[in-house]
Amino acid sequence: MKKQFLLLSAALIFFVSMSTFAQVQDFTLVNKTGVTIHHVYITQHDSDTWGEDILGKDVFMDGDETDVSFHPIEDVCLWDLKIDDADGNAIQWSSIDLCKWVTVTLHWDGSKATATFD
């Protein structure tokens, strides 16, 4: 009986930790790029295609922040992010570890994309 209880407890801990994994990848996105963002795309780091625009019809003003509910099916930590600004310029950030960071602050100096993480 004790052995069954221990196995059941271990299984429960495993399933709770797996469900928590997807929630860990939710993050806050902060726009410190100096531009108004019209589209935001996120894809796995090793993917050749971008997902759908997560902003929808909204725009993301410089200085604003937004919470991103992000529940990927696969257990992947490294993600790439791309934005399109009001002029149609595409700016990309690579290898963002969404398992590690809960806040991603995007920066753009007109020629180089950088990010800071918390």
Protein backbone atom coordinates (compact mmCIF):
# COMPACT_ATOMS: atom_id res chain seq x y z
CA MET A 1 0.00 0.00 0.00
CA LYS A 2 2.82 2.38 0.88
CA LYS A 3 4.57 1.62 -2.41
CA GLN A 4 1.40 2.38 -4.40
CA PHE A 5 0.99 5.67 -2.54
CA LEU A 6 4.59 6.65 -3.34
CA LEU A 7 4.13 5.77 -7.02
CA LEU A 8 0.87 7.71 -7.19
CA SER A 9 2.52 10.70 -5.49
CA ALA A 10 5.46 10.61 -7.91
CA ALA A 11 3.09 10.45 -10.89
CA LEU A 12 1.07 13.39 -9.55
CA ILE A 13 4.21 15.49 -9.05
CA PHE A 14 5.33 14.66 -12.60
CA PHE A 15 2.01 15.71 -14.16
CA VAL A 16 1.83 18.91 -12.11
CA SER A 17 5.37 19.84 -13.12
CA MET A 18 4.57 19.17 -16.79
CA SER A 19 1.48 21.38 -16.68
CA THR A 20 3.48 24.11 -14.92
CA PHE A 21 6.13 24.01 -17.67
CA ALA A 22 3.79 25.55 -20.27
CA GLN A 23 2.72 28.28 -17.85
CA VAL A 24 6.33 29.24 -17.18
CA GLN A 25 6.61 30.41 -20.78
CA ASP A 26 4.06 33.20 -20.33
CA PHE A 27 5.94 36.49 -20.29
CA THR A 28 5.64 40.26 -20.23
CA LEU A 29 6.79 42.02 -23.40
CA VAL A 30 8.06 45.60 -23.03
CA ASN A 31 8.51 47.89 -26.03
CA LYS A 32 11.56 50.13 -25.62
CA THR A 33 12.34 50.14 -29.36
CA GLY A 34 11.46 53.75 -30.08
CA VAL A 35 8.92 52.61 -32.69
CA THR A 36 5.25 51.69 -32.74
CA ILE A 37 4.92 47.95 -33.28
CA HIS A 38 2.16 46.77 -35.60
CA HIS A 39 2.87 43.01 -35.58
CA VAL A 40 4.61 40.59 -33.21
CA TYR A 41 5.51 37.06 -34.30
CA ILE A 42 6.99 34.27 -32.18
CA THR A 43 8.43 30.99 -33.42
CA GLN A 44 10.63 28.20 -32.15
CA HIS A 45 14.29 29.06 -32.60
CA ASP A 46 14.89 26.21 -35.07
CA SER A 47 11.78 26.94 -37.18
CA ASP A 48 11.85 28.35 -40.71
CA THR A 49 8.40 29.97 -40.48
CA TRP A 50 6.78 32.58 -38.26
CA GLY A 51 3.53 32.03 -36.38
CA GLU A 52 0.54 34.34 -36.48
CA ASP A 53 0.67 37.96 -35.33
CA ILE A 54 -0.02 37.83 -31.58
CA LEU A 55 -1.14 41.48 -31.47
CA GLY A 56 -4.10 40.96 -33.76
CA LYS A 57 -5.54 44.36 -34.67
CA ASP A 58 -3.83 46.18 -31.80
CA VAL A 59 -0.66 48.28 -31.98
CA PHE A 60 2.07 48.29 -29.36
CA MET A 61 3.32 51.79 -28.59
CA ASP A 62 6.87 52.57 -27.50
CA GLY A 63 7.04 52.44 -23.70
CA ASP A 64 4.06 50.08 -23.37
CA GLU A 65 4.12 46.57 -22.00
CA THR A 66 1.77 43.65 -22.46
CA ASP A 67 1.37 40.21 -20.95
CA VAL A 68 1.72 37.39 -23.45
CA SER A 69 -0.09 34.14 -22.66
CA PHE A 70 2.10 31.66 -24.38
CA HIS A 71 1.29 27.94 -24.15
CA PRO A 72 3.30 26.01 -26.72
CA ILE A 73 2.54 22.34 -27.21
CA GLU A 74 6.18 21.34 -27.29
CA ASP A 75 8.72 21.59 -24.48
CA VAL A 76 10.92 24.17 -26.18
CA CYS A 77 12.69 26.99 -24.34
CA LEU A 78 14.41 28.99 -27.12
CA TRP A 79 12.17 31.22 -29.23
CA ASP A 80 12.70 33.90 -31.85
CA LEU A 81 10.63 37.07 -31.99
CA LYS A 82 9.99 39.40 -34.91
CA ILE A 83 8.19 42.73 -35.03
CA ASP A 84 6.98 44.90 -37.88
CA ASP A 85 6.94 48.64 -37.23
CA ALA A 86 4.70 51.33 -38.70
CA ASP A 87 7.01 51.73 -41.72
CA GLY A 88 6.97 47.99 -42.49
CA ASN A 89 10.48 47.34 -41.18
CA ALA A 90 11.02 43.84 -39.74
CA ILE A 91 13.22 43.62 -36.64
CA GLN A 92 14.21 40.26 -35.13
CA TRP A 93 15.48 38.89 -31.82
CA SER A 94 16.87 35.36 -31.62
CA SER A 95 17.20 32.65 -28.97
CA ILE A 96 15.02 34.14 -26.22
CA ASP A 97 14.83 31.63 -23.37
CA LEU A 98 11.18 31.73 -22.28
CA CYS A 99 11.77 29.00 -19.70
CA LYS A 100 14.16 31.31 -17.88
CA TRP A 101 12.81 34.86 -18.29
CA VAL A 102 9.42 36.36 -17.39
CA THR A 103 10.02 39.85 -18.80
CA VAL A 104 11.47 40.55 -22.24
CA THR A 105 12.30 44.19 -22.99
CA LEU A 106 12.96 44.94 -26.66
CA HIS A 107 15.45 47.63 -27.68
CA TRP A 108 16.27 49.00 -31.14
CA ASP A 109 18.87 51.66 -31.92
CA GLY A 110 17.98 51.97 -35.60
CA SER A 111 20.46 49.33 -36.71
CA LYS A 112 20.83 46.74 -33.95
CA ALA A 113 18.15 44.79 -32.07
CA THR A 114 18.93 43.93 -28.44
CA ALA A 115 16.86 42.79 -25.49
CA THR A 116 17.11 42.76 -21.73
CA PHE A 117 15.58 40.10 -19.54
CA ASP A 118 14.21 39.74 -16.03
